[in-house]
Protein backbone atom coordinates (compact mmCIF):
# COMPACT_ATOMS: atom_id res chain seq x y z
CA MET A 1 13.33 -5.85 -5.90
CA ASN A 2 14.27 -9.48 -5.96
CA SER A 3 15.03 -12.29 -3.55
CA PHE A 4 18.54 -12.83 -4.93
CA ASN A 5 19.58 -9.48 -3.39
CA PRO A 6 17.78 -9.32 -0.01
CA LEU A 7 17.71 -6.09 2.02
CA LYS A 8 16.98 -6.06 5.76
CA GLY A 9 13.48 -4.76 6.51
CA HIS A 10 12.38 -4.98 2.86
CA LEU A 11 9.85 -7.78 2.30
CA ASP A 12 9.90 -6.96 -1.39
CA SER A 13 13.46 -8.31 -1.51
CA THR A 14 12.39 -11.72 -0.19
CA ASN A 15 10.19 -14.50 -1.52
CA SER A 16 7.83 -14.11 1.49
CA GLU A 17 4.27 -12.92 1.13
CA HIS A 18 4.16 -9.13 0.97
CA LEU A 19 0.89 -8.06 2.52
CA LEU A 20 -1.11 -5.15 1.13
CA HIS A 21 0.46 -1.73 1.66
CA THR A 22 1.12 1.64 0.10
CA ASP A 23 4.71 2.34 -0.87
CA GLY A 24 6.54 4.74 1.41
CA SER A 25 3.94 4.41 4.18
CA PHE A 26 6.67 5.10 6.77
CA SER A 27 7.85 8.21 4.89
CA SER A 28 6.71 11.76 5.56
CA SER A 29 5.98 12.17 1.84
CA PRO A 30 5.24 8.91 -0.02
CA GLY A 31 5.46 9.02 -3.81
CA ASN A 32 2.23 9.62 -5.71
CA ILE A 33 2.91 7.14 -8.50
CA LEU A 34 3.88 3.49 -8.17
CA ALA A 35 5.46 1.68 -11.12
CA LEU A 36 6.24 -2.05 -11.03
CA GLN A 37 8.03 -3.61 -13.99
CA CYS A 38 8.23 -7.39 -14.20
CA ASN A 39 11.49 -8.54 -15.81
CA ILE A 40 11.26 -12.19 -14.75
CA ALA A 41 7.95 -13.60 -13.51
CA SER A 42 7.82 -16.43 -11.02
CA LYS A 43 6.37 -19.61 -12.52
CA VAL A 44 4.69 -20.41 -9.18
CA GLY A 45 3.25 -17.78 -6.83
CA GLY A 46 4.45 -14.18 -6.79
CA LEU A 47 0.99 -12.99 -7.86
CA SER A 48 0.22 -9.28 -7.62
CA ILE A 49 -2.68 -8.18 -5.42
CA ILE A 50 -4.39 -4.79 -5.45
CA ALA A 51 -7.38 -3.32 -3.63
CA SER A 52 -9.29 -0.05 -3.79
CA ALA A 53 -8.70 2.61 -1.15
CA GLN A 54 -12.08 4.11 -2.05
CA ALA A 55 -13.98 0.85 -1.49
CA ALA A 56 -12.24 0.49 1.88
CA TYR A 57 -13.12 4.07 2.82
CA ILE A 58 -16.80 3.54 1.95
CA HIS A 59 -16.75 0.37 4.05
CA ILE A 60 -15.35 2.02 7.18
CA LYS A 61 -17.65 5.01 6.73
CA GLU A 62 -20.63 2.63 6.80
CA LYS A 63 -19.22 0.49 9.63
CA PHE A 64 -18.14 3.45 11.83
CA PRO A 65 -20.55 6.29 10.96
CA ASP A 66 -19.72 8.28 14.10
CA THR A 67 -15.94 7.84 14.15
CA TYR A 68 -14.71 7.09 10.59
CA HIS A 69 -13.47 10.70 10.32
CA LEU A 70 -10.70 9.84 12.81
CA VAL A 71 -8.74 8.22 9.96
CA HIS A 72 -8.02 11.79 8.81
CA SER A 73 -6.37 12.72 12.13
CA LYS A 74 -2.71 13.70 11.82
CA ASP A 75 -1.82 11.14 14.52
CA ALA A 76 -4.07 8.28 13.34
CA ILE A 77 -1.22 5.82 12.77
CA GLU A 78 2.49 5.48 13.41
CA ILE A 79 4.48 3.37 10.96
CA LYS A 80 8.14 2.49 11.62
CA ARG A 81 10.61 0.54 9.49
CA ASN A 82 14.25 0.45 10.51
CA SER A 83 15.20 4.10 11.17
CA GLN A 84 12.26 5.52 9.19
CA LYS A 85 9.00 6.45 10.91
CA THR A 86 6.03 8.70 10.49
CA LEU A 87 2.94 9.69 12.46
CA ALA A 88 0.20 10.48 9.96
CA PRO A 89 -3.43 10.11 8.88
CA ILE A 90 -4.49 6.81 7.33
CA TYR A 91 -6.49 8.86 4.82
CA ASP A 92 -4.73 12.18 4.24
CA LEU A 93 -7.05 14.96 3.03
CA HIS A 94 -5.97 17.36 0.25
CA ASN A 95 -8.46 19.65 -1.51
CA GLY A 96 -11.44 17.29 -1.26
CA ARG A 97 -9.38 14.22 -2.14
CA SER A 98 -7.72 11.72 0.13
CA LYS A 99 -4.66 9.48 -0.18
CA ILE A 100 -4.43 6.27 1.79
CA ARG A 101 -1.35 5.40 3.86
CA PHE A 102 -1.58 1.77 4.90
CA ARG A 103 0.50 -1.19 5.90
CA PHE A 104 -0.32 -4.47 7.58
CA PRO A 105 1.70 -5.45 10.64
CA ASP A 106 4.04 -7.71 8.68
CA GLY A 107 7.17 -8.12 10.82
CA ALA A 108 9.20 -5.72 8.66
CA ALA A 109 7.41 -2.65 9.99
CA GLU A 110 5.81 -1.69 13.30
CA ILE A 111 2.26 -0.34 13.01
CA THR A 112 0.65 1.53 15.90
CA PRO A 113 -2.77 3.08 15.33
CA SER A 114 -3.98 5.62 17.91
CA GLU A 115 -6.32 4.21 20.55
CA GLU A 116 -9.34 5.86 18.90
CA VAL A 117 -8.40 4.61 15.42
CA ALA A 118 -7.39 1.05 16.45
CA PRO A 119 -10.85 -0.53 15.81
CA ILE A 120 -11.09 1.20 12.42
CA TYR A 121 -7.57 0.09 11.46
CA LYS A 122 -8.45 -3.46 12.50
CA GLU A 123 -11.53 -3.32 10.27
CA LEU A 124 -9.43 -2.02 7.36
CA CYS A 125 -7.13 -5.03 7.81
CA GLU A 126 -10.14 -7.37 7.76
CA PHE A 127 -11.51 -5.62 4.66
CA PHE A 128 -8.21 -6.03 2.80
CA LYS A 129 -7.88 -9.71 3.89
CA ASN A 130 -11.23 -10.53 2.27
CA ASN A 131 -10.67 -12.06 -1.19
CA ASN A 132 -13.90 -10.41 -2.38
CA ASN A 133 -12.22 -7.00 -1.93
CA VAL A 134 -9.00 -7.65 -3.84
CA VAL A 135 -7.89 -8.35 -7.41
CA THR A 136 -5.15 -10.96 -7.84
CA PHE A 137 -3.25 -11.32 -11.11
CA GLN A 138 0.06 -12.37 -12.62
CA LEU A 139 2.44 -9.75 -13.96
CA HIS A 140 4.24 -11.47 -16.85
CA ASN A 141 7.70 -10.79 -18.25
CA ASN A 142 7.97 -7.23 -19.61
CA GLN A 143 4.60 -6.16 -18.20
CA MET A 144 4.27 -3.08 -16.04
CA LEU A 145 1.76 -1.89 -13.47
CA ILE A 146 1.50 1.88 -13.04
CA ALA A 147 -0.87 3.09 -10.34
CA ASP A 148 -1.82 5.95 -8.05
CA ASN A 149 -0.09 5.07 -4.77
CA GLY A 150 -2.82 6.91 -2.80
CA SER A 151 -5.76 5.18 -4.51
CA ILE A 152 -4.80 1.53 -4.13
CA VAL A 153 -2.96 -0.78 -1.80
CA HIS A 154 -0.85 -3.52 -3.34
CA GLY A 155 1.08 -6.62 -2.36
CA ARG A 156 2.02 -10.06 -3.64
CA THR A 157 1.78 -13.72 -2.77
CA LYS A 158 4.69 -15.85 -1.63
CA TYR A 159 6.75 -17.73 -4.19
CA PRO A 160 9.23 -20.63 -3.83
CA GLU A 161 12.83 -19.83 -2.88
CA SER A 162 13.95 -21.76 -5.97
CA GLU A 163 12.11 -19.33 -8.28
CA LEU A 164 14.03 -16.51 -9.92
CA ARG A 165 11.70 -13.47 -9.85
CA ASP A 166 12.83 -9.98 -10.78
CA LEU A 167 10.51 -7.02 -10.34
CA ARG A 168 11.67 -3.40 -10.59
CA ARG A 169 9.90 -0.74 -8.54
CA LEU A 170 9.92 2.98 -9.09
CA ASN A 171 8.09 5.57 -7.01
CA LEU A 172 7.52 9.02 -8.47
CA ASP A 173 6.40 12.20 -6.75
CA GLY A 174 4.23 13.23 -9.71
CA ASN A 175 5.50 16.82 -9.68
CA GLY A 176 6.68 16.92 -13.30
CA ILE A 177 5.13 18.63 -16.32
CA LEU A 178 1.67 17.26 -15.52
CA ASN A 179 1.76 18.62 -11.98
CA GLY A 180 -1.64 20.16 -11.23
CA LYS A 181 -3.27 18.32 -14.16
CA VAL A 182 -3.37 14.89 -12.51
CA GLN A 183 -5.34 14.41 -9.31
CA TYR A 184 -4.03 11.80 -6.92
CA GLY A 185 -5.96 9.91 -4.27
CA ILE A 186 -9.69 9.29 -4.05
CA LYS A 187 -12.60 11.71 -4.34
CA LEU A 188 -14.59 11.98 -1.15
CA ASP A 189 -18.29 12.82 -1.12
C-alpha cells in the first residue's frame, strides 16, 4: 500500500500514522501470515512498529485476574470498516493456542467492545501505547517482514506527504503444504 494510490478506509494507503492492529481484524477469517515488503522506504518517518500479543495477554491476565477470560468471548469486540464487520473474540482460542484480533479506534474503523470487555480493551490500548511494550524499526528497500498475524500487532509511524514510500502487503491463510505443521497464535498456560 502506498500514499500515491489512496483507498477510502485504508490507513495503509495514506501517510498518516497507522496505529497497531492485526490485519483483517474486521474479517470473519483473518489471514494467519502477514508479509510486508518494502520497495521504497521513507527517508523520514514511516517506521514499522510491532508488539507481542502474548506479552499483552499476560498483562491483562495479571491486571484483570477475575475477568481476563472475557477476551475469549465470541462477542468480545465488534470491528467495522466500510461494509465489512465482525463480532469476535479479541483472543480467539484454538486447541490451546490463541490468536489476537485487535485494532485501535483510528477513524478508519469503528471498534465496539462489549460492556464487560470494555475496561480490558482500554487496558490493551494503554499497553500497546506504551513505548516499553513495542519494537520500532525501519524497513529498508528490499527488506521484508513476515510474521504470524495472530501473535503480533503491527503499525507504522506517520511520514511526510512529500515522501514516496511503497510497501507491499500480502496476507496468507497458511493452509498450504505446511498446514498442520505450523502453529499460529500464542501458547496459553
